[in-house]
């Protein structure tokens, strides 16, 4: 995401110039206005931290749908943990926004940032936010896989399944090759756009670990495995994904050990979810 096209509304508040007039019409010209804005739909979830809020609304004059993420009075200990894990001091919203600048050159699609901003005290962030454009023509892979996954009857459909598994594996490898780990790499955060391109959303937990890179690679692959429905994604699909991801024709001992770790970690999470009455997708 290039920042060349952004203009400054006030200190700490920047808007894509193409959207500036639409923001003015809505009265979104100050950080106070952003945090008082109600939007069209509140996307609050029961497990969302108190300092986070998400809204969805339409820009009728541009025919666009936008999402607003706001972070208000993030606990200081959370901010410090973010600074340490990411090895840089930035606003909470920027941890969601800035990775897209590294991912775009690597061919990893992400939602377009429309506006962003933050306010700081003497040391700690007071509040921050970002506006993102809806992924037009996109649907999350949790919501719906391509049609050919629901009919395994014909060889052409099998070929399309294999091609898609390879696409997802290549996408995941390119993402990990940037050094980033998502830490929330479930199918709900991977979108298929216009039945051909993949897009990754919700980057706020992503970071570039140094000493623990392999630990978080395992976490990402486990989350993807966990969220892939067992009644649709076969064991053969999963192995095909992994081998493509690793660039191998067959697994060696280290691969087998890694896959055992994935399964053990997934089942530890599953036991907890089952106890609390939650669905375990991979165990269907």
Protein backbone atom coordinates (compact mmCIF):
# COMPACT_ATOMS: atom_id res chain seq x y z
CA UNK A 1 0.00 0.00 0.00
CA UNK A 2 1.56 3.27 -1.10
CA UNK A 3 1.01 6.26 1.20
CA UNK A 4 1.69 8.77 -1.59
CA UNK A 5 -2.01 9.23 -2.29
CA UNK A 6 -2.98 9.96 1.33
CA UNK A 7 -3.83 13.43 2.56
CA UNK A 8 -3.82 14.71 6.13
CA UNK A 9 -7.15 15.67 7.70
CA UNK A 10 -5.61 16.53 11.09
CA UNK A 11 -2.59 15.47 13.14
CA UNK A 12 -2.50 11.67 13.10
CA UNK A 13 -5.41 11.25 10.62
CA UNK A 14 -4.76 10.36 6.97
CA UNK A 15 -7.24 9.57 4.18
CA UNK A 16 -6.84 8.27 0.64
CA UNK A 17 -7.34 11.35 -1.53
CA UNK A 18 -9.85 9.52 -3.73
CA UNK A 19 -12.11 9.06 -0.70
CA UNK A 20 -11.58 12.44 0.97
CA UNK A 21 -14.78 14.05 -0.34
CA UNK A 22 -16.91 11.06 0.72
CA UNK A 23 -15.41 11.27 4.22
CA UNK A 24 -16.19 14.98 4.38
CA UNK A 25 -19.82 14.31 3.43
CA UNK A 26 -20.08 11.88 6.35
CA UNK A 27 -18.42 14.34 8.71
CA UNK A 28 -15.45 12.01 9.19
CA UNK A 29 -12.86 14.77 9.27
CA UNK A 30 -11.46 14.33 12.79
CA UNK A 31 -10.40 11.49 15.06
CA UNK A 32 -13.18 12.46 17.48
CA UNK A 33 -15.70 12.04 14.65
CA UNK A 34 -14.27 8.62 13.79
CA UNK A 35 -14.75 7.38 17.34
CA UNK A 36 -18.27 8.81 17.54
CA UNK A 37 -19.28 7.29 14.20
CA UNK A 38 -21.99 4.60 14.40
CA UNK A 39 -21.80 3.15 10.88
CA UNK A 40 -24.52 0.91 9.44
CA UNK A 41 -23.70 -2.35 11.20
CA UNK A 42 -21.87 -3.10 14.45
CA UNK A 43 -19.76 -6.24 14.03
CA UNK A 44 -19.15 -6.83 17.72
CA UNK A 45 -18.50 -10.40 18.82
CA UNK A 46 -18.84 -11.80 22.34
CA UNK A 47 -15.16 -12.77 22.48
CA UNK A 48 -13.89 -9.40 21.28
CA UNK A 49 -11.72 -7.42 23.69
CA UNK A 50 -13.36 -4.35 25.22
CA UNK A 51 -10.85 -2.00 23.63
CA UNK A 52 -11.75 -3.20 20.10
CA UNK A 53 -14.76 -2.34 17.93
CA UNK A 54 -15.65 -2.99 14.29
CA UNK A 55 -18.23 -1.31 12.06
CA UNK A 56 -19.44 -1.83 8.50
CA UNK A 57 -20.98 0.89 6.35
CA UNK A 58 -21.62 1.88 2.74
CA UNK A 59 -20.26 4.84 0.83
CA UNK A 60 -23.26 5.32 -1.42
CA UNK A 61 -21.64 8.01 -3.58
CA UNK A 62 -18.76 5.66 -4.46
CA UNK A 63 -20.63 2.38 -4.43
CA UNK A 64 -18.17 0.97 -1.88
CA UNK A 65 -18.50 -0.88 1.40
CA UNK A 66 -15.96 -0.06 4.11
CA UNK A 67 -15.00 -1.57 7.45
CA UNK A 68 -13.80 0.50 10.38
CA UNK A 69 -11.58 -1.02 13.07
CA UNK A 70 -11.11 1.03 16.24
CA UNK A 71 -8.83 0.51 19.23
CA UNK A 72 -9.60 2.65 22.27
CA UNK A 73 -7.55 2.67 25.49
CA UNK A 74 -5.66 -0.52 24.73
CA UNK A 75 -4.24 -1.79 28.06
CA UNK A 76 -0.67 -0.61 28.56
CA UNK A 77 0.59 -4.14 29.19
CA UNK A 78 -0.90 -5.20 25.83
CA UNK A 79 0.84 -2.33 24.10
CA UNK A 80 4.18 -3.24 25.68
CA UNK A 81 3.78 -6.88 24.64
CA UNK A 82 3.06 -5.72 21.08
CA UNK A 83 6.17 -3.53 21.03
CA UNK A 84 8.37 -6.35 22.31
CA UNK A 85 7.02 -9.11 20.03
CA UNK A 86 7.19 -6.91 16.94
CA UNK A 87 10.41 -5.14 17.91
CA UNK A 88 8.97 -1.74 17.06
CA UNK A 89 6.69 0.78 18.69
CA UNK A 90 3.55 1.52 16.66
CA UNK A 91 -0.16 1.99 17.17
CA UNK A 92 -2.38 -1.07 17.47
CA UNK A 93 -4.10 -0.22 14.17
CA UNK A 94 -0.73 0.07 12.45
CA UNK A 95 0.08 -3.52 13.37
CA UNK A 96 -2.89 -4.45 11.18
CA UNK A 97 -2.10 -1.94 8.43
CA UNK A 98 1.67 -1.97 7.98
CA UNK A 99 2.20 -5.66 7.09
CA UNK A 100 0.23 -5.14 3.89
CA UNK A 101 3.11 -3.02 2.58
CA UNK A 102 5.41 -6.06 2.77
CA UNK A 103 2.84 -8.57 1.56
CA UNK A 104 1.72 -6.82 -1.61
CA UNK A 105 5.11 -7.20 -3.40
CA UNK A 106 5.07 -10.90 -2.44
CA UNK A 107 1.76 -11.41 -4.22
CA UNK A 108 -0.33 -11.67 -1.06
CA UNK A 109 -3.60 -9.81 -1.56
CA UNK A 110 -4.97 -7.84 1.40
CA UNK A 111 -7.89 -5.40 1.80
CA UNK A 112 -7.12 -1.87 0.66
CA UNK A 113 -6.54 0.69 3.43
CA UNK A 114 -8.65 3.82 2.91
CA UNK A 115 -7.83 5.83 6.03
CA UNK A 116 -5.94 5.45 9.28
CA UNK A 117 -4.89 7.38 12.33
CA UNK A 118 -3.82 7.41 15.95
CA UNK A 119 -3.48 9.60 19.02
CA UNK A 120 -0.73 9.23 21.60
CA UNK A 121 -0.12 10.31 25.15
CA UNK A 122 3.36 11.03 26.46
CA UNK A 123 4.34 7.37 25.96
CA UNK A 124 1.34 5.15 25.26
CA UNK A 125 -1.25 5.05 22.50
CA UNK A 126 -4.63 6.52 23.45
CA UNK A 127 -6.58 5.28 20.44
CA UNK A 128 -6.08 4.28 16.83
CA UNK A 129 -8.15 3.20 13.86
CA UNK A 130 -8.16 2.13 10.23
CA UNK A 131 -10.75 2.05 7.43
CA UNK A 132 -10.53 -0.77 4.90
CA UNK A 133 -12.34 -1.44 1.67
CA UNK A 134 -14.51 -4.53 1.43
CA UNK A 135 -13.01 -7.40 -0.56
CA UNK A 136 -15.23 -6.99 -3.63
CA UNK A 137 -16.30 -10.28 -5.17
CA UNK A 138 -14.73 -12.16 -2.26
CA UNK A 139 -16.06 -14.85 0.05
CA UNK A 140 -14.22 -16.47 2.94
CA UNK A 141 -13.17 -20.07 2.46
CA UNK A 142 -14.87 -20.89 5.75
CA UNK A 143 -18.17 -19.67 4.34
CA UNK A 144 -17.84 -21.38 0.98
CA UNK A 145 -15.22 -23.39 -0.86
CA UNK A 146 -15.27 -23.52 -4.68
CA UNK A 147 -18.19 -25.51 -6.08
CA UNK A 148 -16.05 -28.43 -7.25
CA UNK A 149 -15.31 -29.36 -3.60
CA UNK A 150 -18.94 -30.36 -3.18
CA UNK A 151 -18.99 -32.83 -6.07
CA UNK A 152 -16.12 -35.31 -6.25
CA UNK A 153 -17.78 -37.35 -8.98
CA UNK A 154 -15.97 -36.41 -12.16
CA UNK A 155 -12.24 -36.42 -12.97
CA UNK A 156 -12.30 -32.79 -14.19
CA UNK A 157 -13.63 -31.79 -10.77
CA UNK A 158 -10.85 -33.75 -9.10
CA UNK A 159 -8.34 -31.85 -11.24
CA UNK A 160 -9.84 -28.52 -10.20
CA UNK A 161 -9.68 -29.53 -6.53
CA UNK A 162 -6.01 -30.37 -6.88
CA UNK A 163 -5.31 -27.08 -8.63
CA UNK A 164 -7.02 -25.16 -5.85
CA UNK A 165 -5.16 -27.03 -3.11
CA UNK A 166 -1.93 -26.14 -4.92
CA UNK A 167 -3.02 -22.48 -5.16
CA UNK A 168 -3.69 -22.34 -1.43
CA UNK A 169 -0.37 -24.03 -0.65
CA UNK A 170 1.55 -21.60 -2.89
CA UNK A 171 -0.25 -18.66 -1.28
CA UNK A 172 0.63 -19.91 2.21
CA UNK A 173 4.26 -20.52 1.28
CA UNK A 174 4.61 -17.03 -0.22
CA UNK A 175 3.11 -15.55 2.93
CA UNK A 176 5.48 -17.46 5.21
CA UNK A 177 8.44 -16.68 2.95
CA UNK A 178 7.97 -13.00 3.84
CA UNK A 179 8.83 -13.94 7.42
CA UNK A 180 5.36 -13.12 8.69
CA UNK A 181 3.26 -15.45 10.80
CA UNK A 182 -0.47 -14.70 10.96
CA UNK A 183 -1.39 -16.37 14.29
CA UNK A 184 -5.04 -16.49 13.21
CA UNK A 185 -4.65 -18.43 9.96
CA UNK A 186 -8.10 -19.95 9.73
CA UNK A 187 -10.17 -20.34 6.56
CA UNK A 188 -12.41 -17.49 7.73
CA UNK A 189 -9.50 -15.10 7.17
CA UNK A 190 -8.67 -16.30 3.66
CA UNK A 191 -10.96 -14.99 0.90
CA UNK A 192 -11.43 -16.30 -2.62
CA UNK A 193 -11.98 -13.34 -4.94
CA UNK A 194 -13.88 -13.79 -8.20
CA UNK A 195 -13.26 -17.55 -8.03
CA UNK A 196 -9.55 -17.12 -8.78
CA UNK A 197 -7.47 -14.93 -6.42
CA UNK A 198 -6.79 -15.36 -2.71
CA UNK A 199 -6.79 -12.52 -0.18
CA UNK A 200 -5.70 -12.50 3.47
CA UNK A 201 -7.53 -10.38 6.05
CA UNK A 202 -7.23 -9.47 9.75
CA UNK A 203 -3.50 -8.88 10.04
CA UNK A 204 -3.62 -7.34 13.54
CA UNK A 205 -1.93 -10.35 15.19
CA UNK A 206 0.61 -10.96 12.43
CA UNK A 207 4.28 -10.38 13.11
CA UNK A 208 7.79 -11.47 12.13
CA UNK A 209 9.15 -13.70 14.90
CA UNK A 210 12.86 -14.35 15.03
CA UNK A 211 13.78 -17.12 17.45
CA UNK A 212 10.30 -18.68 17.46
CA UNK A 213 9.54 -18.56 13.73
CA UNK A 214 9.05 -22.34 13.46
CA UNK A 215 6.71 -22.38 16.45
CA UNK A 216 4.40 -19.90 14.76
CA UNK A 217 4.65 -21.61 11.38
CA UNK A 218 3.33 -24.72 13.12
CA UNK A 219 0.58 -22.62 14.68
CA UNK A 220 -0.53 -21.21 11.29
CA UNK A 221 -0.57 -24.61 9.57
CA UNK A 222 -2.44 -26.15 12.51
CA UNK A 223 -5.08 -23.42 12.38
CA UNK A 224 -5.56 -23.98 8.67
CA UNK A 225 -5.84 -27.75 9.22
CA UNK A 226 -8.25 -27.22 12.12
CA UNK A 227 -10.62 -24.99 10.15
CA UNK A 228 -10.71 -27.18 7.02
CA UNK A 229 -13.97 -29.23 7.19
CA UNK A 230 -13.26 -32.93 7.50
CA UNK A 231 -16.30 -33.95 5.47
CA UNK A 232 -15.06 -31.93 2.48
CA UNK A 233 -11.26 -31.71 2.68
CA UNK A 234 -9.85 -35.24 2.56
CA UNK A 235 -6.63 -36.55 4.08
CA UNK A 236 -5.26 -36.77 0.54
CA UNK A 237 -6.08 -33.06 0.04
CA UNK A 238 -4.25 -32.21 3.27
CA UNK A 239 -1.14 -34.17 2.33
CA UNK A 240 -1.19 -32.67 -1.17
CA UNK A 241 -1.36 -29.20 0.37
CA UNK A 242 1.57 -29.86 2.69
CA UNK A 243 3.83 -31.39 0.03
CA UNK A 244 3.13 -28.50 -2.34
CA UNK A 245 3.73 -26.03 0.49
CA UNK A 246 7.09 -27.68 1.20
CA UNK A 247 7.97 -28.13 -2.47
CA UNK A 248 8.36 -31.92 -2.14
CA UNK A 249 7.11 -35.02 -3.92
CA UNK A 250 6.97 -37.13 -0.77
CA UNK A 251 7.39 -36.53 2.96
CA UNK A 252 10.58 -37.34 4.85
CA UNK A 253 10.94 -38.03 8.58
CA UNK A 254 10.99 -34.35 9.50
CA UNK A 255 7.77 -33.78 7.55
CA UNK A 256 6.07 -36.71 9.25
CA UNK A 257 7.07 -35.35 12.64
CA UNK A 258 5.78 -31.89 11.72
CA UNK A 259 2.43 -33.35 10.59
CA UNK A 260 2.17 -35.34 13.83
CA UNK A 261 2.67 -32.10 15.74
CA UNK A 262 -0.07 -30.45 13.68
CA UNK A 263 -2.52 -33.23 14.50
CA UNK A 264 -1.63 -33.31 18.21
CA UNK A 265 -1.97 -29.54 18.50
CA UNK A 266 -5.29 -29.56 16.61
CA UNK A 267 -6.73 -32.23 18.89
CA UNK A 268 -5.67 -30.35 22.03
CA UNK A 269 -7.68 -27.38 20.79
CA UNK A 270 -10.54 -29.68 19.73
CA UNK A 271 -10.88 -31.24 23.19
CA UNK A 272 -11.25 -27.77 24.68
CA UNK A 273 -13.78 -26.68 22.04
CA UNK A 274 -15.84 -29.85 22.34
CA UNK A 275 -16.01 -29.34 26.11
CA UNK A 276 -17.50 -25.90 25.50
CA UNK A 277 -19.95 -27.07 22.84
CA UNK A 278 -18.13 -25.56 19.89
CA UNK A 279 -17.84 -27.09 16.42
CA UNK A 280 -14.58 -28.80 15.46
CA UNK A 281 -14.44 -28.45 11.66
CA UNK A 282 -11.62 -30.90 10.84
CA UNK A 283 -13.24 -33.65 12.92
CA UNK A 284 -16.52 -33.67 10.98
